[in-house]
C-alpha atoms as a PDB file:
ATOM      1  CA  MET A   1      38.211 104.900  22.029  1.00  0.00           C
ATOM      2  CA  ILE A   2      41.445 104.147  23.883  1.00  0.00           C
ATOM      3  CA  PHE A   3      40.847 100.381  24.202  1.00  0.00           C
ATOM      4  CA  LYS A   4      41.361  99.462  20.533  1.00  0.00           C
ATOM      5  CA  ASP A   5      45.160  99.631  20.857  1.00  0.00           C
ATOM      6  CA  PHE A   6      45.382  97.501  24.034  1.00  0.00           C
ATOM      7  CA  ASP A   7      47.301  94.270  23.784  1.00  0.00           C
ATOM      8  CA  LEU A   8      45.419  92.187  26.353  1.00  0.00           C
ATOM      9  CA  LYS A   9      48.051  89.447  26.474  1.00  0.00           C
ATOM     10  CA  LYS A  10      50.722  92.033  27.331  1.00  0.00           C
ATOM     11  CA  LEU A  11      48.397  93.592  29.909  1.00  0.00           C
ATOM     12  CA  PHE A  12      47.900  90.216  31.626  1.00  0.00           C
ATOM     13  CA  GLN A  13      51.670  89.635  31.631  1.00  0.00           C
ATOM     14  CA  LEU A  14      52.254  93.039  33.253  1.00  0.00           C
ATOM     15  CA  MET A  15      49.586  92.332  35.861  1.00  0.00           C
ATOM     16  CA  GLN A  16      51.272  89.032  36.705  1.00  0.00           C
ATOM     17  CA  GLU A  17      54.793  90.527  36.798  1.00  0.00           C
ATOM     18  CA  HIS A  18      53.700  93.278  39.184  1.00  0.00           C
ATOM     19  CA  GLU A  19      51.298  91.108  41.210  1.00  0.00           C
ATOM     20  CA  VAL A  20      48.304  93.279  40.305  1.00  0.00           C
ATOM     21  CA  SER A  21      45.065  91.364  40.794  1.00  0.00           C
ATOM     22  CA  GLU A  22      42.508  93.865  39.524  1.00  0.00           C
ATOM     23  CA  LEU A  23      42.359  96.686  36.952  1.00  0.00           C
ATOM     24  CA  SER A  24      39.493  98.860  35.716  1.00  0.00           C
ATOM     25  CA  PHE A  25      39.457 101.239  32.752  1.00  0.00           C
ATOM     26  CA  LYS A  26      36.677 103.580  31.652  1.00  0.00           C
ATOM     27  CA  ASP A  27      36.412 105.598  28.447  1.00  0.00           C
ATOM     28  CA  GLY A  28      33.071 107.300  28.013  1.00  0.00           C
ATOM     29  CA  LYS A  29      30.446 104.553  27.893  1.00  0.00           C
ATOM     30  CA  THR A  30      32.963 101.712  27.597  1.00  0.00           C
ATOM     31  CA  GLU A  31      34.341 100.129  30.740  1.00  0.00           C
ATOM     32  CA  ILE A  32      36.726  97.206  31.148  1.00  0.00           C
ATOM     33  CA  SER A  33      37.375  95.452  34.440  1.00  0.00           C
ATOM     34  CA  ILE A  34      40.004  92.698  34.685  1.00  0.00           C
ATOM     35  CA  LYS A  35      40.473  90.453  37.701  1.00  0.00           C
ATOM     36  CA  ARG A  36      42.990  87.660  38.041  1.00  0.00           C
ATOM     37  CA  GLY A  37      44.081  85.285  40.745  1.00  0.00           C
ATOM     38  CA  ARG A  38      42.510  82.747  43.024  1.00  0.00           C
ATOM     39  CA  GLU A  39      41.672  82.398  46.671  1.00  0.00           C
ATOM     40  CA  PRO A  40      44.726  82.644  48.941  1.00  0.00           C
ATOM     41  CA  ILE A  41      46.735  79.460  49.399  1.00  0.00           C
ATOM     42  CA  PHE A  42      48.440  78.863  52.714  1.00  0.00           C
ATOM     43  CA  VAL A  43      52.148  78.179  52.346  1.00  0.00           C
ATOM     44  CA  ASN A  44      54.901  77.438  54.813  1.00  0.00           C
ATOM     45  CA  THR A  45      56.949  80.616  54.571  1.00  0.00           C
ATOM     46  CA  ALA A  46      58.865  81.575  57.670  1.00  0.00           C
ATOM     47  CA  VAL A  47      59.243  85.291  58.283  1.00  0.00           C
ATOM     48  CA  PRO A  48      61.820  86.241  60.905  1.00  0.00           C
ATOM     49  CA  VAL A  49      60.640  88.362  63.789  1.00  0.00           C
ATOM     50  CA  ARG A  50      62.663  90.702  65.932  1.00  0.00           C
ATOM     51  CA  GLU A  51      62.443  91.969  69.459  1.00  0.00           C
ATOM     52  CA  ALA A  52      60.546  95.246  69.718  1.00  0.00           C
ATOM     53  CA  GLN A  53      61.618  98.307  71.631  1.00  0.00           C
ATOM     54  CA  ALA A  54      59.507  99.137  74.680  1.00  0.00           C
ATOM     55  CA  THR A  55      58.450 102.355  72.964  1.00  0.00           C
ATOM     56  CA  SER A  56      56.941 100.598  69.955  1.00  0.00           C
ATOM     57  CA  ALA A  57      53.927  99.168  71.798  1.00  0.00           C
ATOM     58  CA  GLN A  58      50.697  99.885  69.976  1.00  0.00           C
ATOM     59  CA  THR A  59      47.091  99.262  70.840  1.00  0.00           C
ATOM     60  CA  THR A  60      44.417  98.474  68.311  1.00  0.00           C
ATOM     61  CA  ALA A  61      40.652  98.704  68.564  1.00  0.00           C
ATOM     62  CA  PRO A  62      38.646  95.657  67.540  1.00  0.00           C
ATOM     63  CA  ARG A  63      36.625  95.987  64.346  1.00  0.00           C
ATOM     64  CA  PRO A  64      32.877  95.307  64.376  1.00  0.00           C
ATOM     65  CA  GLU A  65      33.074  92.806  61.494  1.00  0.00           C
ATOM     66  CA  GLU A  66      35.419  90.512  63.408  1.00  0.00           C
ATOM     67  CA  LYS A  67      34.048  87.195  64.522  1.00  0.00           C
ATOM     68  CA  GLU A  68      35.375  83.764  65.505  1.00  0.00           C
ATOM     69  CA  LEU A  69      38.835  83.409  67.030  1.00  0.00           C
ATOM     70  CA  GLU A  70      38.545  86.663  68.958  1.00  0.00           C
ATOM     71  CA  THR A  71      41.608  87.619  70.966  1.00  0.00           C
ATOM     72  CA  PRO A  72      41.201  87.646  74.741  1.00  0.00           C
ATOM     73  CA  SER A  73      40.754  91.127  76.163  1.00  0.00           C
ATOM     74  CA  LYS A  74      43.906  93.148  76.388  1.00  0.00           C
ATOM     75  CA  SER A  75      45.426  93.175  79.846  1.00  0.00           C
ATOM     76  CA  GLU A  76      47.768  96.140  79.470  1.00  0.00           C
ATOM     77  CA  ILE A  77      50.826  94.016  80.267  1.00  0.00           C
ATOM     78  CA  PRO A  78      53.870  96.310  80.302  1.00  0.00           C
ATOM     79  CA  LEU A  79      56.000  95.489  77.259  1.00  0.00           C
ATOM     80  CA  GLU A  80      59.277  95.842  79.129  1.00  0.00           C
ATOM     81  CA  ASN A  81      58.432  92.719  81.176  1.00  0.00           C
ATOM     82  CA  TYR A  82      58.055  90.507  78.104  1.00  0.00           C
ATOM     83  CA  HIS A  83      59.522  89.686  74.726  1.00  0.00           C
ATOM     84  CA  ALA A  84      57.416  91.234  71.956  1.00  0.00           C
ATOM     85  CA  VAL A  85      56.842  89.453  68.665  1.00  0.00           C
ATOM     86  CA  THR A  86      56.121  92.159  66.107  1.00  0.00           C
ATOM     87  CA  ALA A  87      54.697  92.161  62.593  1.00  0.00           C
ATOM     88  CA  PRO A  88      57.569  92.041  60.088  1.00  0.00           C
ATOM     89  CA  LEU A  89      55.287  93.384  57.343  1.00  0.00           C
ATOM     90  CA  VAL A  90      51.909  95.026  56.771  1.00  0.00           C
ATOM     91  CA  GLY A  91      49.110  92.537  56.202  1.00  0.00           C
ATOM     92  CA  THR A  92      46.146  90.659  57.612  1.00  0.00           C
ATOM     93  CA  PHE A  93      46.689  88.772  60.879  1.00  0.00           C
ATOM     94  CA  TYR A  94      45.319  85.232  61.143  1.00  0.00           C
ATOM     95  CA  ARG A  95      45.474  83.135  64.315  1.00  0.00           C
ATOM     96  CA  ALA A  96      44.852  79.849  62.455  1.00  0.00           C
ATOM     97  CA  SER A  97      45.746  78.232  59.134  1.00  0.00           C
ATOM     98  CA  GLY A  98      42.125  78.332  57.985  1.00  0.00           C
ATOM     99  CA  PRO A  99      38.609  79.320  59.059  1.00  0.00           C
ATOM    100  CA  ASP A 100      37.841  75.920  60.618  1.00  0.00           C
ATOM    101  CA  ALA A 101      41.324  75.245  62.024  1.00  0.00           C
ATOM    102  CA  ALA A 102      42.344  75.643  65.650  1.00  0.00           C
ATOM    103  CA  PRO A 103      44.487  78.694  66.510  1.00  0.00           C
ATOM    104  CA  PHE A 104      48.238  78.145  66.384  1.00  0.00           C
ATOM    105  CA  VAL A 105      48.615  79.353  69.995  1.00  0.00           C
ATOM    106  CA  GLU A 106      46.494  80.519  72.909  1.00  0.00           C
ATOM    107  CA  VAL A 107      47.367  82.621  75.950  1.00  0.00           C
ATOM    108  CA  GLY A 108      49.193  80.347  78.400  1.00  0.00           C
ATOM    109  CA  ASP A 109      50.692  78.069  75.742  1.00  0.00           C
ATOM    110  CA  GLN A 110      54.355  77.100  76.008  1.00  0.00           C
ATOM    111  CA  VAL A 111      56.227  77.928  72.772  1.00  0.00           C
ATOM    112  CA  LYS A 112      59.695  77.128  71.495  1.00  0.00           C
ATOM    113  CA  THR A 113      61.869  78.978  69.033  1.00  0.00           C
ATOM    114  CA  GLY A 114      60.532  78.196  65.560  1.00  0.00           C
ATOM    115  CA  ASP A 115      56.944  77.438  66.619  1.00  0.00           C
ATOM    116  CA  VAL A 116      54.362  79.083  64.353  1.00  0.00           C
ATOM    117  CA  LEU A 117      52.394  81.762  66.211  1.00  0.00           C
ATOM    118  CA  CYS A 118      50.211  83.146  63.415  1.00  0.00           C
ATOM    119  CA  ILE A 119      50.037  83.975  59.718  1.00  0.00           C
ATOM    120  CA  VAL A 120      50.233  87.438  58.196  1.00  0.00           C
ATOM    121  CA  GLU A 121      48.814  87.593  54.676  1.00  0.00           C
ATOM    122  CA  ALA A 122      50.343  90.203  52.391  1.00  0.00           C
ATOM    123  CA  MET A 123      49.547  90.393  48.677  1.00  0.00           C
ATOM    124  CA  LYS A 124      48.011  86.888  48.702  1.00  0.00           C
ATOM    125  CA  SER A 125      51.176  85.451  50.219  1.00  0.00           C
ATOM    126  CA  MET A 126      50.761  83.648  53.529  1.00  0.00           C
ATOM    127  CA  ASN A 127      53.706  84.349  55.840  1.00  0.00           C
ATOM    128  CA  GLU A 128      54.124  82.217  58.933  1.00  0.00           C
ATOM    129  CA  ILE A 129      55.292  84.227  61.932  1.00  0.00           C
ATOM    130  CA  GLN A 130      57.423  82.086  64.212  1.00  0.00           C
ATOM    131  CA  SER A 131      58.505  82.530  67.795  1.00  0.00           C
ATOM    132  CA  ASP A 132      62.121  83.570  68.154  1.00  0.00           C
ATOM    133  CA  VAL A 133      62.230  82.721  71.882  1.00  0.00           C
ATOM    134  CA  ASN A 134      61.248  79.913  74.225  1.00  0.00           C
ATOM    135  CA  GLY A 135      58.538  80.955  76.644  1.00  0.00           C
ATOM    136  CA  ILE A 136      54.874  81.274  77.542  1.00  0.00           C
ATOM    137  CA  VAL A 137      52.377  83.301  75.486  1.00  0.00           C
ATOM    138  CA  LYS A 138      51.104  85.957  77.877  1.00  0.00           C
ATOM    139  CA  GLU A 139      49.100  88.145  75.506  1.00  0.00           C
ATOM    140  CA  ILE A 140      47.794  88.091  71.937  1.00  0.00           C
ATOM    141  CA  CYS A 141      47.690  91.730  70.870  1.00  0.00           C
ATOM    142  CA  ALA A 142      45.892  91.538  67.503  1.00  0.00           C
ATOM    143  CA  ASN A 143      42.456  90.264  66.554  1.00  0.00           C
ATOM    144  CA  ASN A 144      41.874  87.573  63.959  1.00  0.00           C
ATOM    145  CA  ALA A 145      41.453  88.922  60.397  1.00  0.00           C
ATOM    146  CA  GLU A 146      42.683  92.365  61.529  1.00  0.00           C
ATOM    147  CA  LEU A 147      45.001  94.507  59.413  1.00  0.00           C
ATOM    148  CA  VAL A 148      48.327  94.864  61.207  1.00  0.00           C
ATOM    149  CA  GLU A 149      51.055  97.410  60.595  1.00  0.00           C
ATOM    150  CA  PHE A 150      54.796  96.908  60.278  1.00  0.00           C
ATOM    151  CA  ASP A 151      56.399  96.576  63.731  1.00  0.00           C
ATOM    152  CA  GLN A 152      53.017  96.300  65.515  1.00  0.00           C
ATOM    153  CA  VAL A 153      53.206  94.062  68.599  1.00  0.00           C
ATOM    154  CA  LEU A 154      51.369  90.791  67.885  1.00  0.00           C
ATOM    155  CA  PHE A 155      52.332  88.679  70.912  1.00  0.00           C
ATOM    156  CA  LYS A 156      53.898  89.166  74.333  1.00  0.00           C
ATOM    157  CA  ILE A 157      55.899  86.164  75.489  1.00  0.00           C
ATOM    158  CA  GLN A 158      57.410  85.607  78.913  1.00  0.00           C
ATOM    159  CA  LYS A 159      60.865  84.165  78.238  1.00  0.00           C
ATOM    160  CA  ASN A 160      61.920  80.941  79.916  1.00  0.00           C
ATOM    161  CA  GLY A 161      65.022  81.241  82.016  1.00  0.00           C
END
């Protein structure tokens, strides 16, 4: 049996160091499954965004399991007419700070540089995505609780001025 030589304390330390939340081992009839961690905690971490190229526009199909806080239907607004706020990392897109909270922004809202637009959760870390321009939110391009890719367009904002 391979498990007799395992140092569980060392294994837990390695899981914590490498942010691994779940491990499973199987040896014949013996199976060990280890899970660590808690529910995600929302933190105020600002992640810088950058302006997207017009060629990086992506469309995403809504998933059937999505509910509450649905994004308004996509209007096919040409990206070159607006400033695009893109995902700075791969993760899960959230429009609000929690399930019962109001969305950070809606289509038509006036935003200023530094205003929180959404949260992208990656590896149990909640990353606030902030506006890097002053303007009006013209389109929300991702659905709540949807997996988003790096550089995917999340918002289209009409710049002021």
